[in-house]
């Protein structure tokens, strides 16, 4: 039986927490192994993200619970072309509770050479 002085995880039902607290060390290791298998079967957020509309996905970087994506708009010119950065996360309440990706605009991405003299 495990110690109950550990922090209870947010978002996990009381029934699951109670069941885990009643497990032996061997059972917990088997549960961890099973959970890791389930995680490997799920595509990462970064792998699941696709370009939207008139945007082209240039770069995506996985940060676990969210992904930073950089997009360009190839049909635009000048500053309207981009690149633009977004933080993308899964929102389970989106699309009538079916879930969906929430794109949060972070801003235009600037090169280190933007505004620098080419002397």
N, C-alpha and C. Protein backbone atom coordinates (compact mmCIF):
# COMPACT_ATOMS: atom_id res chain seq x y z
N UNK A 1 0.84 -1.18 0.00
CA UNK A 1 0.00 0.00 0.00
C UNK A 1 0.89 1.24 0.00
N UNK A 2 0.50 2.25 -0.75
CA UNK A 2 1.31 3.45 -0.88
C UNK A 2 0.99 4.46 0.20
N UNK A 3 1.88 5.40 0.38
CA UNK A 3 1.69 6.46 1.36
C UNK A 3 0.68 7.47 0.85
N UNK A 4 -0.16 7.99 1.72
CA UNK A 4 -1.19 8.95 1.30
C UNK A 4 -0.75 10.39 1.52
N UNK A 5 0.53 10.63 1.87
CA UNK A 5 1.00 11.99 2.07
C UNK A 5 1.53 12.62 0.78
N UNK A 6 1.32 11.98 -0.36
CA UNK A 6 1.72 12.55 -1.64
C UNK A 6 0.61 13.46 -2.15
N UNK A 7 0.98 14.40 -3.03
CA UNK A 7 -0.01 15.31 -3.62
C UNK A 7 -0.93 14.55 -4.55
N UNK A 8 -2.21 14.78 -4.40
CA UNK A 8 -3.20 14.14 -5.28
C UNK A 8 -3.18 14.85 -6.63
N UNK A 9 -3.19 14.10 -7.72
CA UNK A 9 -3.15 14.73 -9.06
C UNK A 9 -4.46 15.42 -9.40
N UNK A 10 -4.36 16.59 -10.02
CA UNK A 10 -5.54 17.29 -10.53
C UNK A 10 -6.05 16.56 -11.76
N UNK A 11 -7.33 16.54 -11.93
CA UNK A 11 -7.91 15.95 -13.13
C UNK A 11 -8.04 14.44 -13.09
N UNK A 12 -7.73 13.81 -11.96
CA UNK A 12 -7.88 12.36 -11.82
C UNK A 12 -8.99 12.12 -10.81
N UNK A 13 -9.93 11.27 -11.17
CA UNK A 13 -11.09 11.06 -10.31
C UNK A 13 -10.69 10.48 -8.95
N UNK A 14 -11.52 10.74 -7.96
CA UNK A 14 -11.28 10.21 -6.61
C UNK A 14 -11.26 8.68 -6.62
N UNK A 15 -12.08 8.07 -7.46
CA UNK A 15 -12.12 6.60 -7.55
C UNK A 15 -10.77 6.04 -8.03
N UNK A 16 -10.19 6.69 -9.03
CA UNK A 16 -8.90 6.23 -9.55
C UNK A 16 -7.82 6.43 -8.49
N UNK A 17 -7.82 7.60 -7.84
CA UNK A 17 -6.83 7.87 -6.79
C UNK A 17 -6.95 6.83 -5.67
N UNK A 18 -8.16 6.54 -5.25
CA UNK A 18 -8.37 5.56 -4.18
C UNK A 18 -7.88 4.17 -4.61
N UNK A 19 -8.17 3.79 -5.85
CA UNK A 19 -7.73 2.48 -6.34
C UNK A 19 -6.20 2.41 -6.38
N UNK A 20 -5.55 3.49 -6.83
CA UNK A 20 -4.09 3.49 -6.88
C UNK A 20 -3.48 3.43 -5.49
N UNK A 21 -4.08 4.13 -4.54
CA UNK A 21 -3.56 4.12 -3.18
C UNK A 21 -3.64 2.75 -2.53
N UNK A 22 -4.55 1.91 -3.02
CA UNK A 22 -4.70 0.55 -2.48
C UNK A 22 -3.78 -0.46 -3.16
N UNK A 23 -3.03 -0.03 -4.18
CA UNK A 23 -2.18 -0.96 -4.94
C UNK A 23 -0.85 -1.22 -4.24
N UNK A 24 -0.33 -2.41 -4.49
CA UNK A 24 1.02 -2.74 -4.02
C UNK A 24 2.03 -2.10 -4.96
N UNK A 25 3.29 -2.11 -4.55
CA UNK A 25 4.34 -1.57 -5.40
C UNK A 25 4.39 -2.28 -6.75
N UNK A 26 4.24 -3.60 -6.74
CA UNK A 26 4.25 -4.37 -7.98
C UNK A 26 3.09 -3.97 -8.89
N UNK A 27 1.91 -3.82 -8.32
CA UNK A 27 0.76 -3.40 -9.11
C UNK A 27 0.95 -2.00 -9.67
N UNK A 28 1.52 -1.09 -8.88
CA UNK A 28 1.76 0.27 -9.38
C UNK A 28 2.75 0.26 -10.54
N UNK A 29 3.78 -0.56 -10.46
CA UNK A 29 4.74 -0.66 -11.58
C UNK A 29 4.06 -1.17 -12.85
N UNK A 30 3.16 -2.14 -12.69
CA UNK A 30 2.42 -2.67 -13.84
C UNK A 30 1.49 -1.59 -14.41
N UNK A 31 0.87 -0.81 -13.55
CA UNK A 31 0.00 0.28 -14.00
C UNK A 31 0.81 1.34 -14.75
N UNK A 32 1.99 1.67 -14.23
CA UNK A 32 2.87 2.64 -14.91
C UNK A 32 3.24 2.13 -16.29
N UNK A 33 3.62 0.86 -16.37
CA UNK A 33 3.99 0.26 -17.66
C UNK A 33 2.81 0.34 -18.64
N UNK A 34 1.63 0.00 -18.15
CA UNK A 34 0.42 0.06 -18.98
C UNK A 34 0.14 1.49 -19.45
N UNK A 35 0.25 2.45 -18.54
CA UNK A 35 0.00 3.86 -18.89
C UNK A 35 1.02 4.34 -19.92
N UNK A 36 2.26 3.92 -19.80
CA UNK A 36 3.28 4.30 -20.78
C UNK A 36 2.97 3.72 -22.15
N UNK A 37 2.46 2.49 -22.19
CA UNK A 37 2.04 1.90 -23.47
C UNK A 37 0.92 2.72 -24.09
N UNK A 38 -0.04 3.13 -23.27
CA UNK A 38 -1.15 3.95 -23.78
C UNK A 38 -0.64 5.27 -24.33
N UNK A 39 0.30 5.87 -23.64
CA UNK A 39 0.86 7.15 -24.10
C UNK A 39 1.57 7.00 -25.44
N UNK A 40 2.30 5.90 -25.60
CA UNK A 40 3.03 5.68 -26.86
C UNK A 40 2.07 5.49 -28.04
N UNK A 41 0.88 4.97 -27.77
CA UNK A 41 -0.11 4.76 -28.83
C UNK A 41 -0.75 6.06 -29.29
N UNK A 42 -0.69 7.10 -28.48
CA UNK A 42 -1.28 8.39 -28.83
C UNK A 42 -0.26 9.22 -29.62
N UNK A 43 -0.68 9.84 -30.71
CA UNK A 43 0.26 10.73 -31.40
C UNK A 43 0.54 11.94 -30.51
N UNK A 44 1.75 12.46 -30.59
CA UNK A 44 2.05 13.66 -29.84
C UNK A 44 1.26 14.82 -30.43
N UNK A 45 1.06 15.83 -29.65
CA UNK A 45 0.37 17.02 -30.11
C UNK A 45 1.06 17.58 -31.35
N UNK A 46 2.38 17.60 -31.32
CA UNK A 46 3.15 18.13 -32.44
C UNK A 46 2.92 17.32 -33.72
N UNK A 47 2.85 16.00 -33.60
CA UNK A 47 2.62 15.15 -34.77
C UNK A 47 1.22 15.33 -35.35
N UNK A 48 0.26 15.68 -34.51
CA UNK A 48 -1.13 15.79 -34.94
C UNK A 48 -1.48 17.15 -35.55
N UNK A 49 -0.64 18.15 -35.34
CA UNK A 49 -0.95 19.50 -35.82
C UNK A 49 -0.74 19.59 -37.33
N UNK A 50 -1.70 20.21 -37.98
CA UNK A 50 -1.62 20.43 -39.43
C UNK A 50 -1.81 21.91 -39.72
N UNK A 51 -1.35 22.32 -40.88
CA UNK A 51 -1.53 23.71 -41.30
C UNK A 51 -3.00 24.05 -41.38
N UNK A 52 -3.30 25.33 -41.17
CA UNK A 52 -4.68 25.81 -41.25
C UNK A 52 -4.82 26.69 -42.49
N UNK A 53 -5.91 26.50 -43.20
CA UNK A 53 -6.28 27.38 -44.32
C UNK A 53 -5.13 27.78 -45.22
N UNK A 54 -4.88 29.08 -45.26
CA UNK A 54 -3.85 29.63 -46.16
C UNK A 54 -2.47 29.69 -45.50
N UNK A 55 -2.29 29.00 -44.38
CA UNK A 55 -1.01 29.02 -43.68
C UNK A 55 -0.21 27.76 -43.99
N UNK A 56 1.09 27.92 -43.91
CA UNK A 56 2.00 26.80 -44.10
C UNK A 56 2.80 26.61 -42.82
N UNK A 57 2.77 25.40 -42.27
CA UNK A 57 3.51 25.10 -41.05
C UNK A 57 5.00 25.03 -41.38
N UNK A 58 5.77 25.92 -40.77
CA UNK A 58 7.21 26.01 -41.04
C UNK A 58 8.00 25.19 -40.02
N UNK A 59 7.57 25.27 -38.76
CA UNK A 59 8.31 24.62 -37.67
C UNK A 59 7.37 24.36 -36.51
N UNK A 60 7.55 23.23 -35.84
CA UNK A 60 6.77 22.92 -34.64
C UNK A 60 7.71 22.32 -33.61
N UNK A 61 7.56 22.77 -32.37
CA UNK A 61 8.41 22.31 -31.28
C UNK A 61 7.55 21.83 -30.12
N UNK A 62 7.73 20.57 -29.75
CA UNK A 62 6.93 19.95 -28.70
C UNK A 62 7.40 20.39 -27.32
N UNK A 63 6.45 20.84 -26.50
CA UNK A 63 6.74 21.23 -25.12
C UNK A 63 5.86 20.44 -24.15
N UNK A 64 5.47 19.24 -24.53
CA UNK A 64 4.65 18.40 -23.66
C UNK A 64 3.18 18.74 -23.76
N UNK A 65 2.70 19.59 -22.88
CA UNK A 65 1.28 19.94 -22.85
C UNK A 65 0.87 20.89 -23.96
N UNK A 66 1.84 21.50 -24.61
CA UNK A 66 1.55 22.41 -25.71
C UNK A 66 2.67 22.33 -26.75
N UNK A 67 2.41 22.90 -27.91
CA UNK A 67 3.39 22.95 -28.99
C UNK A 67 3.52 24.39 -29.44
N UNK A 68 4.74 24.80 -29.72
CA UNK A 68 4.97 26.11 -30.33
C UNK A 68 5.10 25.85 -31.84
N UNK A 69 4.26 26.53 -32.61
CA UNK A 69 4.29 26.37 -34.06
C UNK A 69 4.59 27.71 -34.72
N UNK A 70 5.35 27.65 -35.79
CA UNK A 70 5.65 28.83 -36.60
C UNK A 70 5.05 28.59 -37.97
N UNK A 71 4.24 29.56 -38.42
CA UNK A 71 3.58 29.44 -39.72
C UNK A 71 3.89 30.66 -40.58
N UNK A 72 3.78 30.46 -41.88
CA UNK A 72 3.87 31.55 -42.85
C UNK A 72 2.63 31.52 -43.72
N UNK A 73 2.33 32.65 -44.31
CA UNK A 73 1.20 32.76 -45.23
C UNK A 73 1.77 33.04 -46.63
N UNK A 74 2.02 31.98 -47.42
CA UNK A 74 2.72 32.12 -48.70
C UNK A 74 2.00 33.00 -49.71
N UNK A 75 0.69 33.17 -49.59
CA UNK A 75 -0.05 34.00 -50.54
C UNK A 75 0.00 35.48 -50.19
N UNK A 76 0.62 35.82 -49.07
CA UNK A 76 0.73 37.21 -48.63
C UNK A 76 2.12 37.75 -48.95
N UNK A 77 2.28 39.06 -48.83
CA UNK A 77 3.58 39.69 -49.04
C UNK A 77 3.91 40.56 -47.83
N UNK A 78 5.18 40.90 -47.72
CA UNK A 78 5.62 41.77 -46.64
C UNK A 78 5.39 41.17 -45.27
N UNK A 79 5.06 42.05 -44.32
CA UNK A 79 4.89 41.59 -42.94
C UNK A 79 3.66 40.69 -42.77
N UNK A 80 2.71 40.75 -43.69
CA UNK A 80 1.52 39.89 -43.61
C UNK A 80 1.86 38.43 -43.92
N UNK A 81 3.04 38.21 -44.50
CA UNK A 81 3.47 36.84 -44.83
C UNK A 81 3.91 36.09 -43.58
N UNK A 82 4.45 36.81 -42.60
CA UNK A 82 4.94 36.16 -41.39
C UNK A 82 6.44 36.09 -41.37
N UNK A 83 7.00 35.22 -40.64
CA UNK A 83 6.38 34.11 -39.91
C UNK A 83 5.73 34.57 -38.61
N UNK A 84 4.74 33.77 -38.15
CA UNK A 84 4.00 34.03 -36.94
C UNK A 84 4.10 32.82 -36.01
N UNK A 85 4.17 33.09 -34.71
CA UNK A 85 4.27 32.01 -33.73
C UNK A 85 2.94 31.84 -32.99
N UNK A 86 2.61 30.58 -32.72
CA UNK A 86 1.41 30.23 -31.97
C UNK A 86 1.76 29.19 -30.91
N UNK A 87 1.06 29.25 -29.78
CA UNK A 87 1.11 28.17 -28.79
C UNK A 87 -0.17 27.38 -28.99
N UNK A 88 -0.03 26.09 -29.24
CA UNK A 88 -1.18 25.24 -29.55
C UNK A 88 -1.34 24.20 -28.46
N UNK A 89 -2.55 24.08 -27.97
CA UNK A 89 -2.85 23.08 -26.96
C UNK A 89 -4.19 22.43 -27.24
N UNK A 90 -4.39 21.28 -26.66
CA UNK A 90 -5.66 20.56 -26.81
C UNK A 90 -6.65 21.11 -25.81
N UNK A 91 -7.84 21.45 -26.27
CA UNK A 91 -8.91 21.95 -25.41
C UNK A 91 -10.06 20.96 -25.47
N UNK A 92 -10.26 20.14 -24.43
CA UNK A 92 -11.29 19.10 -24.46
C UNK A 92 -12.72 19.66 -24.52
N UNK A 93 -12.91 20.92 -24.14
CA UNK A 93 -14.25 21.51 -24.13
C UNK A 93 -14.62 22.14 -25.47
N UNK A 94 -13.71 22.19 -26.38
CA UNK A 94 -13.94 22.83 -27.67
C UNK A 94 -14.80 21.96 -28.59
N UNK A 95 -15.46 22.56 -29.55
CA UNK A 95 -16.29 21.86 -30.53
C UNK A 95 -17.34 20.98 -29.87
N UNK A 96 -18.16 21.61 -29.07
CA UNK A 96 -19.29 20.94 -28.40
C UNK A 96 -18.85 19.78 -27.53
N UNK A 97 -17.70 19.93 -26.89
CA UNK A 97 -17.22 18.91 -25.96
C UNK A 97 -16.44 17.78 -26.60
N UNK A 98 -16.29 17.79 -27.94
CA UNK A 98 -15.52 16.75 -28.61
C UNK A 98 -14.01 17.03 -28.54
N UNK A 99 -13.68 18.26 -28.22
CA UNK A 99 -12.28 18.66 -28.14
C UNK A 99 -11.75 19.17 -29.46
N UNK A 100 -10.73 19.99 -29.37
CA UNK A 100 -10.09 20.55 -30.55
C UNK A 100 -8.86 21.32 -30.14
N UNK A 101 -8.08 21.70 -31.13
CA UNK A 101 -6.86 22.45 -30.87
C UNK A 101 -7.19 23.93 -30.70
N UNK A 102 -6.57 24.55 -29.72
CA UNK A 102 -6.71 25.99 -29.50
C UNK A 102 -5.38 26.64 -29.87
N UNK A 103 -5.43 27.52 -30.87
CA UNK A 103 -4.25 28.24 -31.34
C UNK A 103 -4.23 29.60 -30.65
N UNK A 104 -3.19 29.87 -29.87
CA UNK A 104 -3.04 31.14 -29.19
C UNK A 104 -1.90 31.92 -29.87
N UNK A 105 -2.25 33.05 -30.46
CA UNK A 105 -1.28 33.86 -31.20
C UNK A 105 -0.25 34.46 -30.24
N UNK A 106 1.03 34.24 -30.54
CA UNK A 106 2.11 34.79 -29.72
C UNK A 106 2.73 36.02 -30.35
N UNK A 107 2.72 36.10 -31.67
CA UNK A 107 3.28 37.27 -32.33
C UNK A 107 4.11 36.90 -33.55
N UNK A 108 4.59 37.96 -34.19
CA UNK A 108 5.43 37.78 -35.36
C UNK A 108 6.81 37.34 -34.92
N UNK A 109 7.42 36.44 -35.67
CA UNK A 109 8.77 35.95 -35.39
C UNK A 109 9.74 36.83 -36.16
N UNK A 110 10.72 37.34 -35.44
CA UNK A 110 11.71 38.21 -36.07
C UNK A 110 13.06 37.51 -36.11
N UNK A 111 13.74 37.64 -37.23
CA UNK A 111 15.10 37.15 -37.36
C UNK A 111 16.02 37.97 -36.47
N UNK A 112 17.10 37.37 -36.04
CA UNK A 112 18.08 38.13 -35.29
C UNK A 112 18.66 39.26 -36.15
N UNK A 113 18.59 39.09 -37.47
CA UNK A 113 19.15 40.10 -38.37
C UNK A 113 18.15 41.20 -38.69
N UNK A 114 16.85 41.05 -38.29
CA UNK A 114 15.87 42.10 -38.55
C UNK A 114 16.28 43.40 -37.88
N UNK A 115 16.35 44.44 -38.65
CA UNK A 115 16.69 45.75 -38.12
C UNK A 115 18.18 45.97 -37.95
N UNK A 116 18.99 44.97 -38.22
CA UNK A 116 20.43 45.12 -38.06
C UNK A 116 21.03 45.68 -39.34
N UNK A 117 22.10 46.42 -39.18
CA UNK A 117 22.80 46.97 -40.36
C UNK A 117 23.61 45.88 -41.02
N UNK A 118 23.66 45.90 -42.34
CA UNK A 118 24.45 44.91 -43.10
C UNK A 118 25.79 45.49 -43.49
N UNK A 119 26.43 46.19 -42.59
CA UNK A 119 27.70 46.87 -42.89
C UNK A 119 28.85 45.91 -42.98
